Amino acid sequence: MKRSTDRLLALAMLVVGFACFAKLYLALGGKPPATTSAGIFGAAGMLSILAGLSFLAGLLPGAPRHEPSAPLFGRDAEIVPAGRPRLRRIALAVPLIALVVILADQFGRWRETGGDAAAPAREVAVAPAEPGTEPASAPVAPAPTAASSEPAAAPPQTLAPPRPPPPAQPTAPEGHSDAVVWLAVSADGHQILSASTDRMIKLWDIDGKRLIRDLGVHKDMARSALFMPDGRSALTAGDDGEIVLRQLSDGTVLHVFSSGANGGVRQLKISPDGKLAVSGHDTGSVVVWDLQKGTVLHVLPGHDWSVSSVAISPDGARALTGSIDGELKLWDILAGKQLRSWPGHDRGAYGALFLADGHHAVTGSGDYTIKLWDLDTFKEVRRFDGHSGTVYALALSAEGKRLGSASLDGTARIWNMDTGAEIAEFDPGTGPIYSVAFAADGTLLTGGIDRTIRDWPAAGGEGTVLFAGAPQ
């Protein structure tokens, strides 16, 4: 009986000891931060574990006493150890004191007024979550980047002075309450569709600079919002795996296409005649939809990683898709077969676009480059260099001579398609930009993490807030 009691006490002491070491870990940098001295927890944890091991080994017996079931005399009489009652009491006191300290630290006033709690939290630069995260195992470009999985040796650098905070931005109650990740301009140039991580799809009047209506809401992050060629409806998609045909006049849902096991819709494009749509999914599947019949035409399980870009050729017969491992694939969407696959980028491929000739396409990427491809030879024709972060979205001007790009480096740029030269750079100073489109007058529209839709002059210069984000 006595031995069983010692084992239970030993177990309790070991638990308290490990709890002290857990608090020690928190005191040295865990969260929430411990406020008691780390030395107290270290000493208490060590002593508690030593006491527990001593009890477990039977090194600290209690005072001698007779076991009633044992005879007092003779050959079978129990030999009672002399005992170490004083050391035993000290060993018992150590974990009790440690337990009191743990409880005081957890619930007492030390957490509010003592030690490190009074010190400001260390500032850590954290990159905002990107809507379309690249896999940790994807190949990393050799370009210098803080996202490299293994830190490279670098010479000491002089820290630049801290960048002043951006000026306060205007807000509007009808604006998006989270990042704007998609922009599309209507064929007549008078309206904008926007999609956001707040799950909302909004329809805006460019000329009147006002919200026409909230067109609808997805069950999860909204990714795409496209005007249908008929000018009376829109097709939207999101991480909930639904593609929804909506009436522009009042937002009425006309049809819901469910992707089922293919997962969330990361990218969506409509053929020029409005008869087909192609969606790219987080499972790597590419789905071709018959919009007239409301059915699936083909499911093309070609990518090993999440699909991050989709483009449809001007003749509506082919599609180009890219995934977050940088792989590019060309499809015959009428026959439902893959025509070609090639490693287009070192990291994720985003913002794919066909040029008007149907024989060239352009893609942005997580390796910070934009590439122009010849789709007859599948060779890189031109490279647009300048961004220092993932190029997340691309847009082509109406005449096809200028390319707009949006990047997680916080800038948007306009490029000369014929030469690859940069025409203009725009930096609102508010963080990553996720969406880009050309307005009818040739100006560049952007949306990003600051919830705001901006308009930038085609030749460069300061932008204006076209539609402000909601107050936070």
Protein backbone atom coordinates (compact mmCIF):
# COMPACT_ATOMS: atom_id res chain seq x y z
CA MET A 1 0.00 0.00 0.00
CA LYS A 2 2.79 2.36 0.99
CA ARG A 3 4.63 1.67 -2.26
CA SER A 4 1.53 2.38 -4.33
CA THR A 5 1.09 5.71 -2.57
CA ASP A 6 4.69 6.67 -3.34
CA ARG A 7 4.20 5.82 -6.99
CA LEU A 8 1.12 8.08 -7.18
CA LEU A 9 3.02 10.90 -5.47
CA ALA A 10 5.92 10.39 -7.87
CA LEU A 11 3.58 10.65 -10.86
CA ALA A 12 2.07 13.88 -9.52
CA MET A 13 5.54 15.36 -8.96
CA LEU A 14 6.63 14.47 -12.48
CA VAL A 15 3.51 16.11 -13.91
CA VAL A 16 4.20 19.30 -11.95
CA GLY A 17 7.82 19.21 -13.06
CA PHE A 18 6.93 18.97 -16.73
CA ALA A 19 4.35 21.71 -16.27
CA CYS A 20 7.12 23.94 -14.93
CA PHE A 21 9.23 23.23 -17.99
CA ALA A 22 6.24 24.07 -20.20
CA LYS A 23 5.96 27.43 -18.44
CA LEU A 24 9.72 27.87 -18.85
CA TYR A 25 9.29 27.41 -22.61
CA LEU A 26 6.59 30.08 -22.64
CA ALA A 27 8.78 32.43 -20.63
CA LEU A 28 11.52 32.04 -23.23
CA GLY A 29 9.33 32.96 -26.19
CA GLY A 30 6.15 30.91 -26.34
CA LYS A 31 2.65 32.36 -26.48
CA PRO A 32 0.90 33.57 -24.42
CA PRO A 33 4.02 34.97 -22.78
CA ALA A 34 4.75 33.90 -19.24
CA THR A 35 5.40 36.73 -16.84
CA THR A 36 7.20 35.02 -13.95
CA SER A 37 10.96 34.68 -14.00
CA ALA A 38 12.09 31.82 -16.20
CA GLY A 39 14.65 30.82 -13.56
CA ILE A 40 11.93 30.01 -11.02
CA PHE A 41 10.21 27.62 -13.40
CA GLY A 42 13.48 26.00 -14.41
CA ALA A 43 14.54 25.34 -10.80
CA ALA A 44 11.09 24.24 -9.68
CA GLY A 45 10.74 21.91 -12.65
CA MET A 46 14.12 20.28 -12.05
CA LEU A 47 13.52 19.82 -8.29
CA SER A 48 10.01 18.44 -8.86
CA ILE A 49 11.26 15.87 -11.36
CA LEU A 50 14.15 14.86 -9.05
CA ALA A 51 11.72 14.47 -6.15
CA GLY A 52 9.37 12.41 -8.29
CA LEU A 53 12.16 10.11 -9.43
CA SER A 54 13.30 9.70 -5.82
CA PHE A 55 9.83 8.69 -4.71
CA LEU A 56 9.56 6.35 -7.68
CA ALA A 57 12.87 4.67 -6.76
CA GLY A 58 11.89 4.34 -3.10
CA LEU A 59 14.74 6.55 -1.91
CA LEU A 60 12.54 8.67 0.39
CA PRO A 61 10.57 6.28 2.61
CA GLY A 62 8.36 7.62 5.37
CA ALA A 63 8.82 7.15 9.14
CA PRO A 64 9.00 3.50 10.29
CA ARG A 65 5.64 1.95 11.09
CA HIS A 66 4.37 -1.57 11.46
CA GLU A 67 2.37 -3.10 8.68
CA PRO A 68 -0.66 -4.78 10.37
CA SER A 69 -0.51 -7.84 8.14
CA ALA A 70 3.16 -8.54 8.96
CA PRO A 71 4.22 -10.51 12.06
CA LEU A 72 6.10 -8.65 14.76
CA PHE A 73 8.64 -11.38 15.43
CA GLY A 74 10.13 -14.37 13.78
CA ARG A 75 11.48 -15.25 10.36
CA ASP A 76 8.56 -13.59 8.54
CA ALA A 77 8.72 -10.30 10.41
CA GLU A 78 8.93 -7.29 7.99
CA ILE A 79 12.10 -5.28 8.05
CA VAL A 80 10.95 -1.69 8.27
CA PRO A 81 13.31 0.91 6.78
CA ALA A 82 14.58 3.64 9.01
CA GLY A 83 12.92 6.29 6.80
CA ARG A 84 13.87 9.87 5.83
CA PRO A 85 10.81 11.81 6.98
CA ARG A 86 12.43 15.27 6.84
CA LEU A 87 13.74 14.87 3.27
CA ARG A 88 10.41 13.35 2.33
CA ARG A 89 8.52 16.40 3.59
CA ILE A 90 10.88 18.76 1.72
CA ALA A 91 10.48 16.75 -1.47
CA LEU A 92 6.71 16.92 -1.11
CA ALA A 93 6.82 20.68 -0.53
CA VAL A 94 8.78 21.47 -3.72
CA PRO A 95 6.08 20.46 -6.26
CA LEU A 96 3.39 22.04 -4.10
CA ILE A 97 5.21 25.36 -4.17
CA ALA A 98 5.80 24.98 -7.91
CA LEU A 99 2.10 24.31 -8.43
CA VAL A 100 1.20 27.47 -6.49
CA VAL A 101 3.60 29.49 -8.64
CA ILE A 102 2.08 28.09 -11.84
CA LEU A 103 -1.45 28.92 -10.71
CA ALA A 104 -0.41 32.40 -9.60
CA ASP A 105 1.24 33.05 -12.94
CA GLN A 106 -1.75 31.78 -14.86
CA PHE A 107 -4.51 33.53 -12.95
CA GLY A 108 -2.86 36.08 -10.70
CA ARG A 109 -1.98 39.74 -11.14
CA TRP A 110 1.57 38.96 -12.27
CA ARG A 111 0.23 38.40 -15.78
CA GLU A 112 -1.05 41.97 -15.86
CA THR A 113 1.63 43.90 -13.98
CA GLY A 114 4.79 41.88 -13.62
CA GLY A 115 7.91 41.27 -15.62
CA ASP A 116 7.62 40.91 -19.39
CA ALA A 117 3.90 41.57 -19.52
CA ALA A 118 4.57 45.28 -19.15
CA ALA A 119 6.96 45.26 -22.10
CA PRO A 120 5.56 45.88 -25.61
CA ALA A 121 5.27 42.85 -27.87
CA ARG A 122 8.15 42.38 -30.29
CA GLU A 123 7.21 43.55 -33.77
CA VAL A 124 7.43 40.81 -36.37
CA ALA A 125 7.02 41.42 -40.09
CA VAL A 126 4.36 39.02 -41.32
CA ALA A 127 3.41 38.73 -44.97
CA PRO A 128 -0.38 38.85 -45.40
CA ALA A 129 -1.93 35.57 -46.45
CA GLU A 130 -2.02 35.27 -50.16
CA PRO A 131 -5.25 34.05 -51.78
CA GLY A 132 -3.66 31.01 -53.34
CA THR A 133 -0.81 29.78 -51.22
CA GLU A 134 2.13 28.11 -52.92
CA PRO A 135 3.19 24.67 -51.65
CA ALA A 136 6.15 24.54 -49.29
CA SER A 137 7.68 21.81 -51.45
CA ALA A 138 7.36 23.69 -54.73
CA PRO A 139 10.66 24.56 -56.41
CA VAL A 140 12.02 27.91 -55.30
CA ALA A 141 13.45 30.38 -57.76
CA PRO A 142 17.13 31.26 -57.39
CA ALA A 143 16.21 34.92 -57.09
CA PRO A 144 16.82 36.34 -53.59
CA THR A 145 13.66 36.03 -51.52
CA ALA A 146 12.78 36.02 -47.84
CA ALA A 147 10.49 33.07 -48.50
CA SER A 148 13.36 30.66 -49.14
CA SER A 149 12.98 27.49 -47.11
CA GLU A 150 16.68 27.52 -46.07
CA PRO A 151 18.34 30.77 -44.97
CA ALA A 152 21.27 31.69 -47.17
CA ALA A 153 24.41 33.27 -45.80
CA ALA A 154 24.43 36.99 -46.48
CA PRO A 155 26.85 39.82 -45.69
CA PRO A 156 25.87 42.26 -42.94
CA GLN A 157 23.48 44.90 -44.22
CA THR A 158 22.69 48.38 -43.03
CA LEU A 159 19.06 48.61 -42.06
CA ALA A 160 17.08 51.18 -44.00
CA PRO A 161 15.18 53.78 -42.00
CA PRO A 162 11.64 52.66 -41.18
CA ARG A 163 9.09 53.46 -43.83
CA PRO A 164 6.53 55.99 -42.64
CA PRO A 165 3.02 54.60 -42.26
CA PRO A 166 0.70 55.28 -45.18
CA PRO A 167 -1.75 58.15 -44.77
CA ALA A 168 -5.20 57.34 -43.50
CA GLN A 169 -7.40 56.04 -46.31
CA PRO A 170 -11.01 57.06 -46.94
CA THR A 171 -13.67 54.50 -46.11
CA ALA A 172 -17.26 53.90 -47.20
CA PRO A 173 -19.84 51.70 -45.47
CA GLU A 174 -20.79 50.02 -48.75
CA GLY A 175 -17.20 49.02 -49.57
CA HIS A 176 -15.58 45.62 -49.21
CA SER A 177 -14.64 44.67 -45.66
CA ASP A 178 -11.66 42.56 -46.74
CA ALA A 179 -9.15 42.21 -49.58
CA VAL A 180 -10.35 42.80 -53.15
CA VAL A 181 -9.05 39.79 -55.10
CA TRP A 182 -10.85 40.20 -58.44
CA LEU A 183 -11.88 43.00 -60.79
CA ALA A 184 -13.69 42.80 -64.14
CA VAL A 185 -14.89 45.65 -66.36
CA SER A 186 -18.06 45.36 -68.44
CA ALA A 187 -17.87 45.40 -72.24
CA ASP A 188 -19.34 48.91 -72.37
CA GLY A 189 -16.84 50.12 -69.76
CA HIS A 190 -19.46 51.50 -67.39
CA GLN A 191 -19.50 48.89 -64.65
CA ILE A 192 -17.08 46.91 -62.48
CA LEU A 193 -17.55 43.54 -60.81
CA SER A 194 -15.43 42.87 -57.72
CA ALA A 195 -14.90 39.77 -55.61
CA SER A 196 -13.42 39.74 -52.13
CA THR A 197 -12.25 37.55 -49.31
CA ASP A 198 -15.26 38.96 -47.42
CA ARG A 199 -17.26 36.53 -49.67
CA MET A 200 -19.17 39.38 -51.35
CA ILE A 201 -19.65 40.10 -55.05
CA LYS A 202 -20.29 43.79 -55.72
CA LEU A 203 -21.43 45.66 -58.84
CA TRP A 204 -20.14 49.23 -59.22
CA ASP A 205 -21.03 52.17 -61.46
CA ILE A 206 -17.78 53.67 -62.75
CA ASP A 207 -19.27 56.88 -64.14
CA GLY A 208 -21.36 57.62 -61.08
CA LYS A 209 -18.69 56.33 -58.66
CA ARG A 210 -21.25 54.44 -56.60
CA LEU A 211 -22.20 50.94 -55.59
CA ILE A 212 -25.06 49.68 -57.72
CA ARG A 213 -25.73 46.64 -55.51
CA ASP A 214 -24.30 43.72 -53.62
CA LEU A 215 -24.77 41.15 -56.34
CA GLY A 216 -24.48 38.12 -54.09
CA VAL A 217 -22.48 36.29 -51.46
CA HIS A 218 -20.58 33.02 -51.49
CA LYS A 219 -20.35 30.63 -48.57
CA ASP A 220 -16.58 31.03 -48.60
CA MET A 221 -14.02 33.38 -50.11
CA ALA A 222 -15.16 34.76 -53.49
CA ARG A 223 -12.50 34.34 -56.19
CA SER A 224 -13.93 35.35 -59.57
CA ALA A 225 -16.72 37.51 -60.99
CA LEU A 226 -17.18 37.72 -64.77
CA PHE A 227 -19.62 39.54 -67.01
CA MET A 228 -21.42 37.20 -69.39
CA PRO A 229 -21.31 38.22 -73.08
CA ASP A 230 -25.06 38.93 -73.02
CA GLY A 231 -24.43 41.92 -70.71
CA ARG A 232 -27.36 40.91 -68.49
CA SER A 233 -25.81 38.32 -66.21
CA ALA A 234 -22.59 37.42 -64.39
CA LEU A 235 -20.84 34.21 -63.46
CA THR A 236 -19.17 34.12 -60.03
CA ALA A 237 -17.14 31.49 -58.19
CA GLY A 238 -15.44 30.91 -54.88
CA ASP A 239 -13.79 28.56 -52.45
CA ASP A 240 -17.19 27.06 -51.60
CA GLY A 241 -16.97 25.12 -54.87
CA GLU A 242 -19.98 26.83 -56.41
CA ILE A 243 -20.18 28.63 -59.74
CA VAL A 244 -23.25 30.86 -59.71
CA LEU A 245 -25.01 32.47 -62.66
CA ARG A 246 -26.57 35.71 -61.42
CA GLN A 247 -28.82 38.30 -62.98
CA LEU A 248 -27.18 41.74 -62.98
CA SER A 249 -30.41 43.68 -62.61
CA ASP A 250 -31.21 42.35 -59.15
CA GLY A 251 -28.76 39.59 -58.26
CA THR A 252 -31.28 36.80 -58.79
CA VAL A 253 -29.57 33.40 -58.91
CA LEU A 254 -30.34 31.80 -62.26
CA HIS A 255 -28.31 28.61 -61.87
CA VAL A 256 -25.75 27.05 -59.51
CA PHE A 257 -23.03 24.76 -60.85
CA SER A 258 -21.58 22.64 -58.06
CA SER A 259 -18.03 21.35 -58.47
CA GLY A 260 -18.57 18.60 -55.90
CA ALA A 261 -15.46 16.53 -55.20
CA ASN A 262 -13.37 18.78 -57.46
CA GLY A 263 -13.20 21.28 -54.59
CA GLY A 264 -13.05 25.05 -54.36
CA VAL A 265 -12.92 27.15 -57.52
CA ARG A 266 -9.64 29.08 -57.65
CA GLN A 267 -9.97 30.47 -61.19
CA LEU A 268 -12.79 30.82 -63.70
CA LYS A 269 -12.98 32.01 -67.31
CA ILE A 270 -15.79 32.18 -69.91
CA SER A 271 -15.42 31.51 -73.63
CA PRO A 272 -15.97 34.58 -75.86
CA ASP A 273 -19.31 33.24 -77.12
CA GLY A 274 -20.53 32.53 -73.58
CA LYS A 275 -21.25 28.87 -74.26
CA LEU A 276 -18.45 27.33 -72.18
CA ALA A 277 -16.64 28.07 -68.96
CA VAL A 278 -13.44 26.57 -67.59
CA SER A 279 -12.76 26.40 -63.87
CA GLY A 280 -9.55 25.52 -62.04
CA HIS A 281 -9.85 23.91 -58.62
CA ASP A 282 -7.83 23.51 -55.45
CA THR A 283 -7.70 19.74 -56.06
CA GLY A 284 -5.79 20.28 -59.33
CA SER A 285 -8.81 19.45 -61.49
CA VAL A 286 -9.80 21.50 -64.54
CA VAL A 287 -13.53 21.39 -65.33
CA VAL A 288 -15.15 22.41 -68.62
CA TRP A 289 -18.78 23.50 -68.22
CA ASP A 290 -21.56 23.67 -70.80
CA LEU A 291 -23.25 26.89 -69.70
CA GLN A 292 -26.20 26.47 -72.01
CA LYS A 293 -27.11 23.02 -70.71
CA GLY A 294 -25.92 23.67 -67.17
CA THR A 295 -23.82 20.51 -67.15
CA VAL A 296 -20.21 19.34 -66.93
CA LEU A 297 -18.63 18.74 -70.33
CA HIS A 298 -15.22 17.44 -69.17
CA VAL A 299 -13.29 16.92 -65.95
CA LEU A 300 -9.56 17.09 -66.67
CA PRO A 301 -7.52 15.86 -63.67
CA GLY A 302 -4.18 17.05 -64.94
CA HIS A 303 -2.45 19.15 -62.26
CA ASP A 304 -0.70 17.76 -59.19
CA TRP A 305 -1.20 21.02 -57.28
CA SER A 306 -3.98 23.57 -56.92
CA VAL A 307 -4.85 25.38 -60.16
CA SER A 308 -3.88 29.04 -59.89
CA SER A 309 -4.64 30.42 -63.37
CA VAL A 310 -7.00 29.78 -66.28
CA ALA A 311 -7.26 31.40 -69.72
CA ILE A 312 -9.44 30.58 -72.75
CA SER A 313 -8.28 31.21 -76.32
CA PRO A 314 -10.09 33.78 -78.48
CA ASP A 315 -11.66 31.00 -80.59
CA GLY A 316 -12.97 29.26 -77.46
CA ALA A 317 -11.33 25.94 -78.40
CA ARG A 318 -8.34 25.82 -76.06
CA ALA A 319 -7.52 26.65 -72.46
CA LEU A 320 -4.26 27.41 -70.71
CA THR A 321 -3.99 26.54 -67.03
CA GLY A 322 -1.25 26.98 -64.46
CA SER A 323 -0.78 25.56 -60.98
CA ILE A 324 1.02 26.66 -57.85
CA ASP A 325 4.02 24.48 -58.67
CA GLY A 326 4.61 26.55 -61.84
CA GLU A 327 3.42 23.88 -64.29
CA LEU A 328 1.55 25.10 -67.39
CA LYS A 329 -0.84 22.99 -69.46
CA LEU A 330 -2.59 23.59 -72.76
CA TRP A 331 -5.94 21.85 -73.32
CA ASP A 332 -8.34 21.14 -76.15
CA ILE A 333 -11.49 21.92 -74.16
CA LEU A 334 -13.86 20.73 -76.88
CA ALA A 335 -12.30 17.27 -77.07
CA GLY A 336 -11.33 17.24 -73.40
CA LYS A 337 -7.67 16.33 -73.86
CA GLN A 338 -4.31 17.72 -72.88
CA LEU A 339 -2.20 19.11 -75.72
CA ARG A 340 0.99 20.02 -73.88
CA SER A 341 2.46 20.35 -70.39
CA TRP A 342 5.66 22.21 -69.52
CA PRO A 343 7.39 23.77 -66.47
CA GLY A 344 6.65 27.41 -67.11
CA HIS A 345 7.82 28.93 -63.83
CA ASP A 346 9.93 28.06 -60.83
CA ARG A 347 6.95 28.84 -58.61
CA GLY A 348 3.19 29.33 -58.95
CA ALA A 349 1.77 30.53 -62.28
CA TYR A 350 -0.87 33.27 -61.99
CA GLY A 351 -2.96 35.59 -64.16
CA ALA A 352 -2.74 33.66 -67.46
CA LEU A 353 -3.96 35.51 -70.58
CA PHE A 354 -4.19 34.66 -74.28
CA LEU A 355 -3.20 37.33 -76.76
CA ALA A 356 -5.59 38.21 -79.57
CA ASP A 357 -3.75 36.04 -82.11
CA GLY A 358 -4.44 32.90 -80.05
CA HIS A 359 -0.85 31.72 -80.56
CA HIS A 360 0.70 33.59 -77.65
CA ALA A 361 -0.05 33.78 -73.95
CA VAL A 362 1.35 35.61 -70.96
CA THR A 363 1.70 34.38 -67.36
CA GLY A 364 2.83 35.89 -64.06
CA SER A 365 4.34 33.94 -61.22
CA GLY A 366 5.71 33.43 -57.76
CA ASP A 367 9.24 33.67 -59.17
CA TYR A 368 8.49 37.41 -59.66
CA THR A 369 8.59 37.22 -63.47
CA ILE A 370 6.07 37.69 -66.25
CA LYS A 371 6.63 35.57 -69.35
CA LEU A 372 5.32 35.75 -72.89
CA TRP A 373 4.95 32.31 -74.49
CA ASP A 374 4.80 31.11 -78.08
CA LEU A 375 2.15 28.39 -77.94
CA ASP A 376 3.26 26.85 -81.23
CA THR A 377 6.78 26.15 -79.99
CA PHE A 378 6.11 26.43 -76.23
CA LYS A 379 9.17 28.65 -75.91
CA GLU A 380 9.56 31.79 -73.85
CA VAL A 381 9.52 34.81 -76.17
CA ARG A 382 9.92 37.67 -73.74
CA ARG A 383 10.33 38.27 -70.04
CA PHE A 384 9.04 41.25 -68.04
CA ASP A 385 11.28 41.81 -65.01
CA GLY A 386 10.82 44.35 -62.24
CA HIS A 387 8.49 43.04 -59.55
CA SER A 388 10.00 41.96 -56.23
CA GLY A 389 7.06 39.80 -55.16
CA THR A 390 4.64 37.27 -56.62
CA VAL A 391 2.94 38.60 -59.75
CA TYR A 392 -0.61 37.65 -58.86
CA ALA A 393 -2.82 39.10 -61.60
CA LEU A 394 -2.51 40.33 -65.19
CA ALA A 395 -4.71 42.34 -67.53
CA LEU A 396 -4.40 43.22 -71.22
CA SER A 397 -5.47 46.57 -72.61
CA ALA A 398 -8.19 46.72 -75.25
CA GLU A 399 -5.71 47.29 -78.09
CA GLY A 400 -3.42 44.54 -76.77
CA LYS A 401 -0.36 46.78 -76.62
CA ARG A 402 -0.11 47.22 -72.86
CA LEU A 403 0.00 44.72 -70.03
CA GLY A 404 -1.08 45.50 -66.49
CA SER A 405 0.27 43.54 -63.54
CA ALA A 406 -0.51 43.38 -59.82
CA SER A 407 1.94 42.01 -57.29
CA LEU A 408 2.30 41.03 -53.68
CA ASP A 409 5.21 43.49 -53.55
CA GLY A 410 2.54 46.17 -53.20
CA THR A 411 2.89 47.65 -56.68
CA ALA A 412 1.00 47.59 -59.96
CA ARG A 413 2.75 48.19 -63.27
CA ILE A 414 2.06 48.78 -66.94
CA TRP A 415 4.33 47.17 -69.54
CA ASN A 416 4.93 47.59 -73.26
CA MET A 417 3.94 44.25 -74.80
CA ASP A 418 6.17 44.71 -77.84
CA THR A 419 9.40 45.47 -75.98
CA GLY A 420 8.85 44.26 -72.41
CA ALA A 421 9.77 47.71 -71.10
CA GLU A 422 8.05 49.11 -68.03
CA ILE A 423 5.82 52.09 -68.81
CA ALA A 424 4.63 53.01 -65.34
CA GLU A 425 4.79 51.83 -61.74
CA PHE A 426 2.13 52.52 -59.10
CA ASP A 427 2.64 52.10 -55.37
CA PRO A 428 -0.20 53.08 -53.03
CA GLY A 429 1.93 52.05 -50.05
CA THR A 430 -0.85 49.94 -48.57
CA GLY A 431 0.39 46.38 -49.08
CA PRO A 432 -0.19 43.55 -51.56
CA ILE A 433 -2.28 44.17 -54.68
CA TYR A 434 -4.32 41.16 -55.81
CA SER A 435 -6.41 42.32 -58.78
CA VAL A 436 -5.99 44.47 -61.86
CA ALA A 437 -8.07 45.51 -64.90
CA PHE A 438 -8.01 48.16 -67.61
CA ALA A 439 -10.86 50.66 -67.67
CA ALA A 440 -12.42 51.74 -70.97
CA ASP A 441 -10.40 54.98 -70.96
CA GLY A 442 -7.11 53.08 -70.66
CA THR A 443 -6.50 53.78 -66.98
CA LEU A 444 -5.52 50.92 -64.69
CA LEU A 445 -7.80 49.68 -61.92
CA THR A 446 -6.41 47.82 -58.92
CA GLY A 447 -7.72 46.16 -55.79
CA GLY A 448 -5.79 44.75 -52.88
CA ILE A 449 -5.43 44.02 -49.23
CA ASP A 450 -6.50 47.53 -48.23
CA ARG A 451 -10.09 46.77 -49.45
CA THR A 452 -9.92 49.71 -51.89
CA ILE A 453 -10.43 49.91 -55.66
CA ARG A 454 -8.12 52.51 -57.20
CA ASP A 455 -7.80 54.15 -60.61
CA TRP A 456 -4.30 54.92 -61.97
CA PRO A 457 -3.39 57.14 -64.96
CA ALA A 458 -2.18 55.22 -67.99
CA ALA A 459 1.04 57.23 -68.30
CA GLY A 460 1.93 57.01 -64.60
CA GLY A 461 1.37 59.27 -61.62
CA GLU A 462 -0.76 59.34 -58.52
CA GLY A 463 -3.88 57.21 -58.35
CA THR A 464 -7.28 58.07 -56.98
CA VAL A 465 -9.60 56.06 -54.76
CA LEU A 466 -12.47 55.04 -56.97
CA PHE A 467 -14.32 52.94 -54.38
CA ALA A 468 -13.19 52.94 -50.76
CA GLY A 469 -13.25 49.94 -48.48
CA ALA A 470 -15.54 49.58 -45.51
CA PRO A 471 -14.40 50.93 -42.11
CA GLN A 472 -12.63 48.42 -39.88
